[in-house]
């Protein structure tokens, strides 16, 4: 008897146990998407904030083409995994590209009130409605779960 013929009767009923309604699916407006949206915002804006800090400290700035390219690469951050998180990041960037570009530009360009100020990442994500107040990111959920296991 082969392994496949042995496992087939065992594996066939599995789809019946996991109906589509019972799977954790990321749907528009769902809790999982909301958490991923918040996670993506914190990751992207935090990374851009690090770049902004470097520019301010080095007394440099991005040309418009450089800023556009940096924003276009934002979803390539190592903490943004493939699959659904990458898709959520794409939606986040489509919705907030102009706002992010505007905020960054005002912070490294002399003459603006925000010049040389870093972005308060969490507050900024809440102002974009990407995060709800006190909403945990995916990584914060992992951290809490890990602490409970210890």
Protein backbone atom coordinates (compact mmCIF):
# COMPACT_ATOMS: atom_id res chain seq x y z
CA UNK A 1 0.00 0.00 0.00
CA UNK A 2 1.45 3.38 -1.00
CA UNK A 3 1.57 6.37 1.32
CA UNK A 4 -0.78 8.33 -0.95
CA UNK A 5 -3.44 5.61 -0.94
CA UNK A 6 -3.11 5.36 2.85
CA UNK A 7 -3.47 9.13 3.45
CA UNK A 8 -6.16 9.82 0.86
CA UNK A 9 -9.12 8.65 3.01
CA UNK A 10 -7.72 10.65 5.93
CA UNK A 11 -7.16 13.86 3.97
CA UNK A 12 -10.36 13.88 1.91
CA UNK A 13 -12.65 14.94 4.80
CA UNK A 14 -10.40 17.90 5.74
CA UNK A 15 -12.06 20.41 3.38
CA UNK A 16 -15.34 19.58 5.11
CA UNK A 17 -13.84 20.56 8.47
CA UNK A 18 -12.55 23.88 7.18
CA UNK A 19 -15.42 25.59 5.46
CA UNK A 20 -14.64 28.94 3.78
CA UNK A 21 -16.53 30.78 6.50
CA UNK A 22 -14.28 29.35 9.21
CA UNK A 23 -10.98 30.41 7.67
CA UNK A 24 -9.24 33.59 8.74
CA UNK A 25 -9.69 35.56 5.56
CA UNK A 26 -8.67 39.13 5.00
CA UNK A 27 -11.67 40.88 3.52
CA UNK A 28 -12.24 44.53 2.92
CA UNK A 29 -13.14 46.16 6.20
CA UNK A 30 -12.51 43.01 8.25
CA UNK A 31 -10.63 42.92 11.55
CA UNK A 32 -7.64 41.15 10.00
CA UNK A 33 -7.36 43.71 7.21
CA UNK A 34 -7.65 46.51 9.74
CA UNK A 35 -4.77 45.04 11.75
CA UNK A 36 -2.66 44.53 8.61
CA UNK A 37 -3.43 48.08 7.43
CA UNK A 38 -2.26 49.43 10.79
CA UNK A 39 0.83 47.20 10.69
CA UNK A 40 1.69 48.32 7.16
CA UNK A 41 1.23 51.99 8.05
CA UNK A 42 3.50 51.71 11.08
CA UNK A 43 6.12 49.82 9.09
CA UNK A 44 6.09 52.09 6.03
CA UNK A 45 5.88 55.39 7.91
CA UNK A 46 8.46 54.21 10.47
CA UNK A 47 10.87 53.31 7.68
CA UNK A 48 10.27 56.61 5.88
CA UNK A 49 10.77 58.39 9.20
CA UNK A 50 14.18 56.70 9.57
CA UNK A 51 15.13 57.93 6.10
CA UNK A 52 13.84 61.40 6.96
CA UNK A 53 15.97 61.46 10.11
CA UNK A 54 19.03 60.60 8.03
CA UNK A 55 18.25 63.39 5.55
CA UNK A 56 17.75 65.94 8.32
CA UNK A 57 20.92 64.89 10.18
CA UNK A 58 22.97 64.93 6.96
CA UNK A 59 21.41 68.23 5.84
CA UNK A 60 20.24 66.59 2.61
CA UNK A 61 16.97 66.30 0.76
CA UNK A 62 15.29 64.13 -1.85
CA UNK A 63 14.69 65.39 -5.36
CA UNK A 64 11.08 64.80 -6.41
CA UNK A 65 12.09 61.79 -8.54
CA UNK A 66 14.03 60.32 -5.58
CA UNK A 67 11.08 60.82 -3.24
CA UNK A 68 8.71 59.19 -5.73
CA UNK A 69 11.09 56.24 -6.11
CA UNK A 70 11.50 55.86 -2.34
CA UNK A 71 7.74 55.82 -1.88
CA UNK A 72 7.36 53.33 -4.74
CA UNK A 73 9.74 50.97 -2.91
CA UNK A 74 8.01 51.29 0.47
CA UNK A 75 6.21 47.93 0.22
CA UNK A 76 9.55 46.21 -0.31
CA UNK A 77 10.39 46.59 3.38
CA UNK A 78 11.54 43.25 4.86
CA UNK A 79 8.82 43.33 7.54
CA UNK A 80 6.12 43.41 4.88
CA UNK A 81 5.69 39.77 3.98
CA UNK A 82 4.48 38.41 0.68
CA UNK A 83 0.86 37.64 0.06
CA UNK A 84 -1.95 39.46 1.77
CA UNK A 85 0.28 41.89 3.67
CA UNK A 86 1.93 42.96 0.41
CA UNK A 87 -1.55 43.44 -1.14
CA UNK A 88 -2.67 45.52 1.84
CA UNK A 89 0.51 47.60 1.50
CA UNK A 90 -0.33 48.25 -2.14
CA UNK A 91 -3.80 49.45 -1.18
CA UNK A 92 -2.34 51.58 1.62
CA UNK A 93 0.11 53.24 -0.76
CA UNK A 94 -2.58 53.84 -3.39
CA UNK A 95 -4.73 55.58 -0.80
CA UNK A 96 -2.01 57.56 0.96
CA UNK A 97 0.83 58.10 -1.56
CA UNK A 98 0.12 61.83 -2.01
CA UNK A 99 -0.32 62.48 1.71
CA UNK A 100 2.95 60.68 2.54
CA UNK A 101 4.80 62.56 -0.20
CA UNK A 102 3.40 65.89 0.99
CA UNK A 103 4.26 65.22 4.65
CA UNK A 104 7.81 64.12 3.87
CA UNK A 105 8.41 67.06 1.55
CA UNK A 106 7.27 69.56 4.19
CA UNK A 107 9.61 68.02 6.76
CA UNK A 108 12.84 68.21 4.78
CA UNK A 109 12.15 71.45 2.91
CA UNK A 110 13.17 74.75 4.58
CA UNK A 111 10.41 77.30 5.01
CA UNK A 112 7.69 74.92 6.15
CA UNK A 113 6.51 74.88 9.76
CA UNK A 114 7.20 71.13 9.95
CA UNK A 115 10.76 71.52 8.64
CA UNK A 116 13.18 69.18 10.45
CA UNK A 117 10.39 67.54 12.48
CA UNK A 118 10.09 63.78 12.43
CA UNK A 119 6.73 62.13 11.97
CA UNK A 120 4.98 60.81 15.09
CA UNK A 121 4.34 57.45 13.44
CA UNK A 122 1.42 56.17 15.52
CA UNK A 123 -0.37 59.54 15.57
CA UNK A 124 0.15 59.91 11.84
CA UNK A 125 -1.28 56.44 11.15
CA UNK A 126 -4.29 57.26 13.31
CA UNK A 127 -4.79 60.56 11.46
CA UNK A 128 -4.84 58.60 8.18
CA UNK A 129 -7.43 56.28 9.77
CA UNK A 130 -5.06 53.38 9.06
CA UNK A 131 -5.04 52.59 12.80
CA UNK A 132 -7.68 52.94 15.46
CA UNK A 133 -6.62 54.35 18.85
CA UNK A 134 -4.89 51.62 20.89
CA UNK A 135 -5.13 49.14 18.00
CA UNK A 136 -2.31 46.61 18.06
CA UNK A 137 -0.19 45.86 15.03
CA UNK A 138 0.55 42.30 13.99
CA UNK A 139 3.98 42.52 15.64
CA UNK A 140 2.53 43.85 18.88
CA UNK A 141 0.13 40.89 18.91
CA UNK A 142 3.10 38.53 18.43
CA UNK A 143 5.02 40.22 21.25
CA UNK A 144 2.09 39.92 23.66
CA UNK A 145 1.56 36.28 22.76
CA UNK A 146 5.26 35.52 23.24
CA UNK A 147 5.24 37.15 26.69
CA UNK A 148 2.25 35.04 27.71
CA UNK A 149 4.11 31.89 26.66
CA UNK A 150 7.07 32.63 28.91
